[in-house]
Amino acid sequence: MGLLYVAPAVALVTVFFIVPLAMTAWMSLNNWPLMGEHSYIGLGNYWAILRDTRFWNALRFTGWYTLVVTIAIFAVAFPLAIFIERPRAMTNVYRTAFFMPAVIGFASASLLWSWLLNVDSGLFSPAAYALGLTEKKFNLLATFQPAFWSIIAMVVWKVAGFTMIILMTGLQSIPSELQEAAMIDGAGPFARFRAITLPLMRRTLALALILSVAGSILAFDQFYIILRGGPRNQTLTAVYWIFNQSFVSFKLGYGAALSMILLLILVVLSLVQLWLLRKPEGVD
């Protein structure tokens, strides 16, 4: 009876994860063009990755982007979660407003911000010029630093509300009696946050962190739609390079090998995060 109940979930996982993963692993061992017959080459694609400097540069940029955007998301989401955690006037309005960008798809959000960042017909550059903040209209996407931080701002606006909801559920699961007892003992806000809030939110933080890191490493839409890898290929992400090799150069086998390497990196990072955020022994 138990197997019967889990059969639909097992079927979905098998069809949409295990089978595609097995096919990708097999493709990575072949020279697999878009058209024509494929041929088995063993680890040839993986040896080629070692010499692919563009991929390693993309992976290095992806790591830097993941670090910066994850810190930025938590820096915004945690204060928002604390702000909306307890009922107060218009709490539901705040929760809805902060969460609303999360329901927009990344492609739609990227198209919106692509317009906002447009130097002539957008919002930011013309508004700054009209208000006299700049001497002329400026292109935020022309050089690396403004383009990079524009993407960071867009992702934080898009994702922080979702992370906020996850963190809020963790905050609400902490018994209020613990906070009240700590206050009676004279513990200040920072001491209560360090000694009570953070330890009791380990699982919630682990979930939010893994989702944020995994989503950032797999970033593609915003860099493809807004920047197209520019300026001067400085914002090529790992997934963007996999897309380029698979569907622009039509080297599906090599793209599959790159995907397997990226999957391995994600698994290792997730395991490391879970280990770092594990609960101490003896703590329920």
C-alpha atoms as a PDB file:
ATOM      1  CA  MET A   1       0.000   0.000   0.000  1.00  0.00           C
ATOM      2  CA  GLY A   2       2.841   2.377   0.822  1.00  0.00           C
ATOM      3  CA  LEU A   3       4.509   1.748  -2.541  1.00  0.00           C
ATOM      4  CA  LEU A   4       1.188   2.415  -4.249  1.00  0.00           C
ATOM      5  CA  TYR A   5       0.909   5.822  -2.577  1.00  0.00           C
ATOM      6  CA  VAL A   6       4.425   6.924  -3.536  1.00  0.00           C
ATOM      7  CA  ALA A   7       4.209   5.488  -7.070  1.00  0.00           C
ATOM      8  CA  PRO A   8       3.029   8.768  -8.706  1.00  0.00           C
ATOM      9  CA  ALA A   9       5.876  10.742  -7.114  1.00  0.00           C
ATOM     10  CA  VAL A  10       8.383   8.037  -8.056  1.00  0.00           C
ATOM     11  CA  ALA A  11       7.093   8.080 -11.640  1.00  0.00           C
ATOM     12  CA  LEU A  12       7.438  11.864 -11.881  1.00  0.00           C
ATOM     13  CA  VAL A  13      10.961  11.835 -10.458  1.00  0.00           C
ATOM     14  CA  THR A  14      11.944   8.984 -12.771  1.00  0.00           C
ATOM     15  CA  VAL A  15      10.540  10.553 -15.932  1.00  0.00           C
ATOM     16  CA  PHE A  16      11.579  14.157 -15.310  1.00  0.00           C
ATOM     17  CA  PHE A  17      14.846  13.722 -13.386  1.00  0.00           C
ATOM     18  CA  ILE A  18      16.443  10.266 -13.381  1.00  0.00           C
ATOM     19  CA  VAL A  19      15.897   9.490 -17.078  1.00  0.00           C
ATOM     20  CA  PRO A  20      17.054  12.945 -18.319  1.00  0.00           C
ATOM     21  CA  LEU A  21      20.050  12.755 -15.968  1.00  0.00           C
ATOM     22  CA  ALA A  22      21.016   9.331 -17.322  1.00  0.00           C
ATOM     23  CA  MET A  23      20.592  10.582 -20.903  1.00  0.00           C
ATOM     24  CA  THR A  24      22.743  13.638 -20.175  1.00  0.00           C
ATOM     25  CA  ALA A  25      25.451  11.453 -18.628  1.00  0.00           C
ATOM     26  CA  TRP A  26      25.425   9.216 -21.724  1.00  0.00           C
ATOM     27  CA  MET A  27      25.494  12.182 -24.103  1.00  0.00           C
ATOM     28  CA  SER A  28      28.511  13.591 -22.249  1.00  0.00           C
ATOM     29  CA  LEU A  29      30.490  10.502 -23.290  1.00  0.00           C
ATOM     30  CA  ASN A  30      29.739  11.033 -26.977  1.00  0.00           C
ATOM     31  CA  ASN A  31      30.506  13.426 -29.770  1.00  0.00           C
ATOM     32  CA  TRP A  32      26.841  14.356 -30.238  1.00  0.00           C
ATOM     33  CA  PRO A  33      26.120  16.893 -32.978  1.00  0.00           C
ATOM     34  CA  LEU A  34      22.683  18.393 -33.444  1.00  0.00           C
ATOM     35  CA  MET A  35      22.326  16.637 -36.792  1.00  0.00           C
ATOM     36  CA  GLY A  36      23.846  13.329 -37.814  1.00  0.00           C
ATOM     37  CA  GLU A  37      25.121  10.295 -35.961  1.00  0.00           C
ATOM     38  CA  HIS A  38      26.801  10.500 -32.594  1.00  0.00           C
ATOM     39  CA  SER A  39      29.995   8.637 -31.769  1.00  0.00           C
ATOM     40  CA  TYR A  40      31.343   7.375 -28.465  1.00  0.00           C
ATOM     41  CA  ILE A  41      34.505   9.203 -27.315  1.00  0.00           C
ATOM     42  CA  GLY A  42      34.647   8.229 -23.645  1.00  0.00           C
ATOM     43  CA  LEU A  43      36.032  11.019 -21.462  1.00  0.00           C
ATOM     44  CA  GLY A  44      37.055  13.158 -24.444  1.00  0.00           C
ATOM     45  CA  ASN A  45      34.572  15.922 -23.624  1.00  0.00           C
ATOM     46  CA  TYR A  46      35.750  16.033 -20.019  1.00  0.00           C
ATOM     47  CA  TRP A  47      39.399  16.337 -21.085  1.00  0.00           C
ATOM     48  CA  ALA A  48      38.365  19.188 -23.381  1.00  0.00           C
ATOM     49  CA  ILE A  49      36.818  20.995 -20.411  1.00  0.00           C
ATOM     50  CA  LEU A  50      40.229  21.195 -18.744  1.00  0.00           C
ATOM     51  CA  ARG A  51      41.454  23.296 -21.700  1.00  0.00           C
ATOM     52  CA  ASP A  52      38.310  25.424 -21.973  1.00  0.00           C
ATOM     53  CA  THR A  53      39.474  28.726 -20.458  1.00  0.00           C
ATOM     54  CA  ARG A  54      36.170  30.417 -21.361  1.00  0.00           C
ATOM     55  CA  PHE A  55      34.272  27.920 -19.199  1.00  0.00           C
ATOM     56  CA  TRP A  56      36.588  28.396 -16.224  1.00  0.00           C
ATOM     57  CA  ASN A  57      36.304  32.168 -16.559  1.00  0.00           C
ATOM     58  CA  ALA A  58      32.513  31.806 -16.684  1.00  0.00           C
ATOM     59  CA  LEU A  59      32.618  29.538 -13.630  1.00  0.00           C
ATOM     60  CA  ARG A  60      34.797  32.059 -11.777  1.00  0.00           C
ATOM     61  CA  PHE A  61      32.378  34.869 -12.585  1.00  0.00           C
ATOM     62  CA  THR A  62      29.431  32.681 -11.564  1.00  0.00           C
ATOM     63  CA  GLY A  63      31.077  32.017  -8.194  1.00  0.00           C
ATOM     64  CA  TRP A  64      31.673  35.728  -7.595  1.00  0.00           C
ATOM     65  CA  TYR A  65      28.117  36.573  -8.637  1.00  0.00           C
ATOM     66  CA  THR A  66      26.714  33.832  -6.367  1.00  0.00           C
ATOM     67  CA  LEU A  67      28.652  35.124  -3.361  1.00  0.00           C
ATOM     68  CA  VAL A  68      27.629  38.759  -3.870  1.00  0.00           C
ATOM     69  CA  VAL A  69      23.976  38.172  -4.706  1.00  0.00           C
ATOM     70  CA  THR A  70      23.458  35.669  -1.877  1.00  0.00           C
ATOM     71  CA  ILE A  71      24.824  38.116   0.695  1.00  0.00           C
ATOM     72  CA  ALA A  72      22.704  40.904  -0.800  1.00  0.00           C
ATOM     73  CA  ILE A  73      19.527  38.790  -0.770  1.00  0.00           C
ATOM     74  CA  PHE A  74      19.943  37.801   2.876  1.00  0.00           C
ATOM     75  CA  ALA A  75      20.904  41.362   3.856  1.00  0.00           C
ATOM     76  CA  VAL A  76      17.534  42.522   2.509  1.00  0.00           C
ATOM     77  CA  ALA A  77      15.362  39.480   3.249  1.00  0.00           C
ATOM     78  CA  PHE A  78      16.293  38.986   6.915  1.00  0.00           C
ATOM     79  CA  PRO A  79      15.367  42.523   8.073  1.00  0.00           C
ATOM     80  CA  LEU A  80      12.160  42.311   6.049  1.00  0.00           C
ATOM     81  CA  ALA A  81      11.323  38.949   7.656  1.00  0.00           C
ATOM     82  CA  ILE A  82      11.873  40.397  11.120  1.00  0.00           C
ATOM     83  CA  PHE A  83       9.744  43.429  10.208  1.00  0.00           C
ATOM     84  CA  ILE A  84       6.729  41.442   8.983  1.00  0.00           C
ATOM     85  CA  GLU A  85       7.017  38.477  11.360  1.00  0.00           C
ATOM     86  CA  ARG A  86       4.767  39.845  14.093  1.00  0.00           C
ATOM     87  CA  PRO A  87       1.244  41.183  13.419  1.00  0.00           C
ATOM     88  CA  ARG A  88       1.017  44.960  13.223  1.00  0.00           C
ATOM     89  CA  ALA A  89      -0.973  47.512  11.261  1.00  0.00           C
ATOM     90  CA  MET A  90      -0.953  46.723   7.515  1.00  0.00           C
ATOM     91  CA  THR A  91       1.250  43.648   7.992  1.00  0.00           C
ATOM     92  CA  ASN A  92      -0.584  41.742   5.249  1.00  0.00           C
ATOM     93  CA  VAL A  93      -0.129  44.672   2.871  1.00  0.00           C
ATOM     94  CA  TYR A  94       3.608  44.725   3.549  1.00  0.00           C
ATOM     95  CA  ARG A  95       3.913  40.970   3.110  1.00  0.00           C
ATOM     96  CA  THR A  96       2.060  41.087  -0.200  1.00  0.00           C
ATOM     97  CA  ALA A  97       4.043  44.060  -1.504  1.00  0.00           C
ATOM     98  CA  PHE A  98       7.422  42.567  -0.573  1.00  0.00           C
ATOM     99  CA  PHE A  99       6.546  39.139  -1.973  1.00  0.00           C
ATOM    100  CA  MET A 100       4.868  40.282  -5.182  1.00  0.00           C
ATOM    101  CA  PRO A 101       8.024  40.437  -7.381  1.00  0.00           C
ATOM    102  CA  ALA A 102       8.653  36.750  -6.608  1.00  0.00           C
ATOM    103  CA  VAL A 103       5.577  35.694  -8.605  1.00  0.00           C
ATOM    104  CA  ILE A 104       7.020  37.256 -11.783  1.00  0.00           C
ATOM    105  CA  GLY A 105       9.048  34.898 -13.940  1.00  0.00           C
ATOM    106  CA  PHE A 106      12.742  35.640 -14.328  1.00  0.00           C
ATOM    107  CA  ALA A 107      12.340  36.140 -18.069  1.00  0.00           C
ATOM    108  CA  SER A 108       9.521  38.660 -17.579  1.00  0.00           C
ATOM    109  CA  ALA A 109      11.434  40.452 -14.828  1.00  0.00           C
ATOM    110  CA  SER A 110      14.515  40.579 -17.042  1.00  0.00           C
ATOM    111  CA  LEU A 111      12.526  42.118 -19.896  1.00  0.00           C
ATOM    112  CA  LEU A 112      11.094  44.697 -17.481  1.00  0.00           C
ATOM    113  CA  TRP A 113      14.525  45.659 -16.162  1.00  0.00           C
ATOM    114  CA  SER A 114      15.976  45.650 -19.657  1.00  0.00           C
ATOM    115  CA  TRP A 115      13.542  48.469 -20.412  1.00  0.00           C
ATOM    116  CA  LEU A 116      14.193  50.246 -17.091  1.00  0.00           C
ATOM    117  CA  LEU A 117      17.947  50.218 -17.786  1.00  0.00           C
ATOM    118  CA  ASN A 118      17.653  51.436 -21.368  1.00  0.00           C
ATOM    119  CA  VAL A 119      19.742  54.561 -21.822  1.00  0.00           C
ATOM    120  CA  ASP A 120      17.180  56.415 -23.965  1.00  0.00           C
ATOM    121  CA  SER A 121      13.684  55.037 -23.401  1.00  0.00           C
ATOM    122  CA  GLY A 122      14.091  53.523 -19.948  1.00  0.00           C
ATOM    123  CA  LEU A 123      13.536  54.976 -16.487  1.00  0.00           C
ATOM    124  CA  PHE A 124      16.770  55.237 -14.519  1.00  0.00           C
ATOM    125  CA  SER A 125      19.014  57.116 -16.951  1.00  0.00           C
ATOM    126  CA  PRO A 126      16.401  59.583 -18.314  1.00  0.00           C
ATOM    127  CA  ALA A 127      15.053  60.225 -14.793  1.00  0.00           C
ATOM    128  CA  ALA A 128      18.516  60.959 -13.394  1.00  0.00           C
ATOM    129  CA  TYR A 129      19.210  63.312 -16.304  1.00  0.00           C
ATOM    130  CA  ALA A 130      15.849  65.086 -15.973  1.00  0.00           C
ATOM    131  CA  LEU A 131      16.387  65.623 -12.243  1.00  0.00           C
ATOM    132  CA  GLY A 132      19.812  67.115 -12.874  1.00  0.00           C
ATOM    133  CA  LEU A 133      21.661  64.304 -11.094  1.00  0.00           C
ATOM    134  CA  THR A 134      23.829  63.650 -14.166  1.00  0.00           C
ATOM    135  CA  GLU A 135      25.166  65.909 -16.884  1.00  0.00           C
ATOM    136  CA  LYS A 136      24.048  63.518 -19.610  1.00  0.00           C
ATOM    137  CA  LYS A 137      22.234  60.251 -20.039  1.00  0.00           C
ATOM    138  CA  PHE A 138      24.419  57.299 -19.047  1.00  0.00           C
ATOM    139  CA  ASN A 139      24.343  53.675 -20.142  1.00  0.00           C
ATOM    140  CA  LEU A 140      24.400  51.432 -17.084  1.00  0.00           C
ATOM    141  CA  LEU A 141      25.077  48.387 -19.254  1.00  0.00           C
ATOM    142  CA  ALA A 142      28.091  49.745 -21.146  1.00  0.00           C
ATOM    143  CA  THR A 143      30.757  48.809 -18.586  1.00  0.00           C
ATOM    144  CA  PHE A 144      31.146  45.867 -16.237  1.00  0.00           C
ATOM    145  CA  GLN A 145      30.670  47.386 -12.775  1.00  0.00           C
ATOM    146  CA  PRO A 146      27.396  49.286 -13.419  1.00  0.00           C
ATOM    147  CA  ALA A 147      26.047  46.348 -15.421  1.00  0.00           C
ATOM    148  CA  PHE A 148      26.974  43.841 -12.710  1.00  0.00           C
ATOM    149  CA  TRP A 149      25.411  45.847  -9.886  1.00  0.00           C
ATOM    150  CA  SER A 150      22.317  46.506 -11.986  1.00  0.00           C
ATOM    151  CA  ILE A 151      21.836  42.748 -12.286  1.00  0.00           C
ATOM    152  CA  ILE A 152      22.395  42.351  -8.544  1.00  0.00           C
ATOM    153  CA  ALA A 153      19.722  44.983  -7.839  1.00  0.00           C
ATOM    154  CA  MET A 154      17.300  43.283 -10.210  1.00  0.00           C
ATOM    155  CA  VAL A 155      17.800  39.817  -8.652  1.00  0.00           C
ATOM    156  CA  VAL A 156      17.480  41.146  -5.087  1.00  0.00           C
ATOM    157  CA  TRP A 157      14.246  42.925  -6.045  1.00  0.00           C
ATOM    158  CA  LYS A 158      12.977  39.703  -7.628  1.00  0.00           C
ATOM    159  CA  VAL A 159      14.085  37.092  -5.052  1.00  0.00           C
ATOM    160  CA  ALA A 160      14.306  38.811  -1.650  1.00  0.00           C
ATOM    161  CA  GLY A 161      10.550  38.524  -1.062  1.00  0.00           C
ATOM    162  CA  PHE A 162      10.628  34.750  -1.556  1.00  0.00           C
ATOM    163  CA  THR A 163      13.571  34.351   0.830  1.00  0.00           C
ATOM    164  CA  MET A 164      11.788  36.667   3.261  1.00  0.00           C
ATOM    165  CA  ILE A 165       8.797  34.298   3.442  1.00  0.00           C
ATOM    166  CA  ILE A 166      11.060  31.310   4.145  1.00  0.00           C
ATOM    167  CA  LEU A 167      12.879  33.177   6.903  1.00  0.00           C
ATOM    168  CA  MET A 168       9.603  34.467   8.330  1.00  0.00           C
ATOM    169  CA  THR A 169       8.298  30.910   8.772  1.00  0.00           C
ATOM    170  CA  GLY A 170      11.492  30.071  10.642  1.00  0.00           C
ATOM    171  CA  LEU A 171      11.090  33.080  12.907  1.00  0.00           C
ATOM    172  CA  GLN A 172       7.479  32.210  13.646  1.00  0.00           C
ATOM    173  CA  SER A 173       8.459  28.657  14.629  1.00  0.00           C
ATOM    174  CA  ILE A 174      10.604  29.944  17.527  1.00  0.00           C
ATOM    175  CA  PRO A 175       8.618  29.696  20.804  1.00  0.00           C
ATOM    176  CA  SER A 176       7.849  33.163  22.131  1.00  0.00           C
ATOM    177  CA  GLU A 177       8.474  31.881  25.671  1.00  0.00           C
ATOM    178  CA  LEU A 178      12.203  31.629  24.933  1.00  0.00           C
ATOM    179  CA  GLN A 179      12.385  35.237  23.803  1.00  0.00           C
ATOM    180  CA  GLU A 180      10.389  36.415  26.835  1.00  0.00           C
ATOM    181  CA  ALA A 181      12.573  34.438  29.243  1.00  0.00           C
ATOM    182  CA  ALA A 182      15.705  35.908  27.673  1.00  0.00           C
ATOM    183  CA  MET A 183      14.272  39.415  28.002  1.00  0.00           C
ATOM    184  CA  ILE A 184      13.504  38.809  31.677  1.00  0.00           C
ATOM    185  CA  ASP A 185      17.114  37.678  32.157  1.00  0.00           C
ATOM    186  CA  GLY A 186      18.263  40.978  30.680  1.00  0.00           C
ATOM    187  CA  ALA A 187      19.362  39.798  27.229  1.00  0.00           C
ATOM    188  CA  GLY A 188      19.365  42.554  24.628  1.00  0.00           C
ATOM    189  CA  PRO A 189      18.098  42.243  21.032  1.00  0.00           C
ATOM    190  CA  PHE A 190      21.499  41.281  19.613  1.00  0.00           C
ATOM    191  CA  ALA A 191      22.144  38.698  22.353  1.00  0.00           C
ATOM    192  CA  ARG A 192      18.703  37.128  21.771  1.00  0.00           C
ATOM    193  CA  PHE A 193      19.310  37.081  18.019  1.00  0.00           C
ATOM    194  CA  ARG A 194      22.721  35.411  18.411  1.00  0.00           C
ATOM    195  CA  ALA A 195      21.817  32.942  21.170  1.00  0.00           C
ATOM    196  CA  ILE A 196      18.207  32.058  20.302  1.00  0.00           C
ATOM    197  CA  THR A 197      17.143  33.133  16.816  1.00  0.00           C
ATOM    198  CA  LEU A 198      20.102  31.958  14.744  1.00  0.00           C
ATOM    199  CA  PRO A 199      20.579  28.540  16.441  1.00  0.00           C
ATOM    200  CA  LEU A 200      16.866  27.705  16.161  1.00  0.00           C
ATOM    201  CA  MET A 201      16.754  28.747  12.507  1.00  0.00           C
ATOM    202  CA  ARG A 202      19.517  26.460  11.265  1.00  0.00           C
ATOM    203  CA  ARG A 203      17.234  24.318   9.114  1.00  0.00           C
ATOM    204  CA  THR A 204      15.407  27.331   7.728  1.00  0.00           C
ATOM    205  CA  LEU A 205      18.688  29.088   6.956  1.00  0.00           C
ATOM    206  CA  ALA A 206      20.016  25.922   5.315  1.00  0.00           C
ATOM    207  CA  LEU A 207      16.959  25.711   3.047  1.00  0.00           C
ATOM    208  CA  ALA A 208      17.065  29.401   2.099  1.00  0.00           C
ATOM    209  CA  LEU A 209      20.821  29.318   1.548  1.00  0.00           C
ATOM    210  CA  ILE A 210      20.750  26.204  -0.641  1.00  0.00           C
ATOM    211  CA  LEU A 211      17.920  27.625  -2.763  1.00  0.00           C
ATOM    212  CA  SER A 212      19.742  30.946  -3.134  1.00  0.00           C
ATOM    213  CA  VAL A 213      23.112  29.412  -4.003  1.00  0.00           C
ATOM    214  CA  ALA A 214      21.659  26.849  -6.404  1.00  0.00           C
ATOM    215  CA  GLY A 215      19.534  29.482  -8.146  1.00  0.00           C
ATOM    216  CA  SER A 216      22.500  31.845  -8.449  1.00  0.00           C
ATOM    217  CA  ILE A 217      24.842  29.207  -9.868  1.00  0.00           C
ATOM    218  CA  LEU A 218      22.168  28.349 -12.444  1.00  0.00           C
ATOM    219  CA  ALA A 219      21.621  32.024 -13.358  1.00  0.00           C
ATOM    220  CA  PHE A 220      20.898  32.493 -17.040  1.00  0.00           C
ATOM    221  CA  ASP A 221      17.779  34.503 -17.923  1.00  0.00           C
ATOM    222  CA  GLN A 222      18.903  37.903 -16.644  1.00  0.00           C
ATOM    223  CA  PHE A 223      22.364  37.690 -18.182  1.00  0.00           C
ATOM    224  CA  TYR A 224      21.033  36.447 -21.516  1.00  0.00           C
ATOM    225  CA  ILE A 225      18.098  38.855 -21.857  1.00  0.00           C
ATOM    226  CA  ILE A 226      19.626  42.007 -20.374  1.00  0.00           C
ATOM    227  CA  LEU A 227      23.349  41.726 -21.122  1.00  0.00           C
ATOM    228  CA  ARG A 228      23.798  38.956 -23.712  1.00  0.00           C
ATOM    229  CA  GLY A 229      27.032  38.112 -21.901  1.00  0.00           C
ATOM    230  CA  GLY A 230      28.365  41.654 -22.318  1.00  0.00           C
ATOM    231  CA  PRO A 231      30.040  43.949 -21.960  1.00  0.00           C
ATOM    232  CA  ARG A 232      32.919  42.177 -23.765  1.00  0.00           C
ATOM    233  CA  ASN A 233      31.860  38.709 -22.540  1.00  0.00           C
ATOM    234  CA  GLN A 234      32.571  39.712 -18.935  1.00  0.00           C
ATOM    235  CA  THR A 235      29.230  38.455 -17.636  1.00  0.00           C
ATOM    236  CA  LEU A 236      29.209  34.977 -19.134  1.00  0.00           C
ATOM    237  CA  THR A 237      27.826  32.564 -16.546  1.00  0.00           C
ATOM    238  CA  ALA A 238      28.395  28.812 -16.484  1.00  0.00           C
ATOM    239  CA  VAL A 239      24.862  28.059 -17.694  1.00  0.00           C
ATOM    240  CA  TYR A 240      25.177  30.717 -20.412  1.00  0.00           C
ATOM    241  CA  TRP A 241      28.327  28.993 -21.701  1.00  0.00           C
ATOM    242  CA  ILE A 242      26.596  25.599 -21.600  1.00  0.00           C
ATOM    243  CA  PHE A 243      23.722  27.086 -23.609  1.00  0.00           C
ATOM    244  CA  ASN A 244      26.208  28.599 -26.072  1.00  0.00           C
ATOM    245  CA  GLN A 245      28.047  25.342 -26.627  1.00  0.00           C
ATOM    246  CA  SER A 246      24.884  23.248 -26.845  1.00  0.00           C
ATOM    247  CA  PHE A 247      22.515  25.393 -28.895  1.00  0.00           C
ATOM    248  CA  VAL A 248      24.739  27.920 -30.667  1.00  0.00           C
ATOM    249  CA  SER A 249      27.760  25.758 -31.505  1.00  0.00           C
ATOM    250  CA  PHE A 250      25.529  22.619 -31.564  1.00  0.00           C
ATOM    251  CA  LYS A 251      28.014  20.558 -29.534  1.00  0.00           C
ATOM    252  CA  LEU A 252      25.413  18.736 -27.465  1.00  0.00           C
ATOM    253  CA  GLY A 253      27.820  16.156 -26.085  1.00  0.00           C
ATOM    254  CA  TYR A 254      30.224  18.802 -24.851  1.00  0.00           C
ATOM    255  CA  GLY A 255      27.336  20.805 -23.391  1.00  0.00           C
ATOM    256  CA  ALA A 256      26.144  17.679 -21.564  1.00  0.00           C
ATOM    257  CA  ALA A 257      29.630  17.196 -20.087  1.00  0.00           C
ATOM    258  CA  LEU A 258      29.638  20.803 -18.890  1.00  0.00           C
ATOM    259  CA  SER A 259      26.208  20.210 -17.335  1.00  0.00           C
ATOM    260  CA  MET A 260      27.461  17.165 -15.438  1.00  0.00           C
ATOM    261  CA  ILE A 261      30.410  19.159 -14.069  1.00  0.00           C
ATOM    262  CA  LEU A 262      28.056  21.922 -12.940  1.00  0.00           C
ATOM    263  CA  LEU A 263      25.730  19.349 -11.328  1.00  0.00           C
ATOM    264  CA  LEU A 264      28.675  17.903  -9.398  1.00  0.00           C
ATOM    265  CA  ILE A 265      29.626  21.380  -8.166  1.00  0.00           C
ATOM    266  CA  LEU A 266      26.039  22.014  -7.014  1.00  0.00           C
ATOM    267  CA  VAL A 267      25.882  18.718  -5.136  1.00  0.00           C
ATOM    268  CA  VAL A 268      29.188  19.374  -3.371  1.00  0.00           C
ATOM    269  CA  LEU A 269      28.196  22.919  -2.408  1.00  0.00           C
ATOM    270  CA  SER A 270      24.810  21.760  -1.095  1.00  0.00           C
ATOM    271  CA  LEU A 271      26.442  19.042   1.029  1.00  0.00           C
ATOM    272  CA  VAL A 272      28.960  21.521   2.415  1.00  0.00           C
ATOM    273  CA  GLN A 273      26.204  23.979   3.313  1.00  0.00           C
ATOM    274  CA  LEU A 274      24.141  21.282   5.024  1.00  0.00           C
ATOM    275  CA  TRP A 275      27.208  20.180   6.988  1.00  0.00           C
ATOM    276  CA  LEU A 276      28.064  23.712   8.070  1.00  0.00           C
ATOM    277  CA  LEU A 277      24.494  24.416   9.168  1.00  0.00           C
ATOM    278  CA  ARG A 278      23.901  21.051  10.859  1.00  0.00           C
ATOM    279  CA  LYS A 279      22.563  21.050  14.390  1.00  0.00           C
ATOM    280  CA  PRO A 280      25.018  20.251  17.177  1.00  0.00           C
ATOM    281  CA  GLU A 281      24.803  16.727  18.583  1.00  0.00           C
ATOM    282  CA  GLY A 282      22.279  16.382  21.353  1.00  0.00           C
ATOM    283  CA  VAL A 283      20.157  19.324  20.146  1.00  0.00           C
ATOM    284  CA  ASP A 284      16.646  18.524  18.903  1.00  0.00           C
END
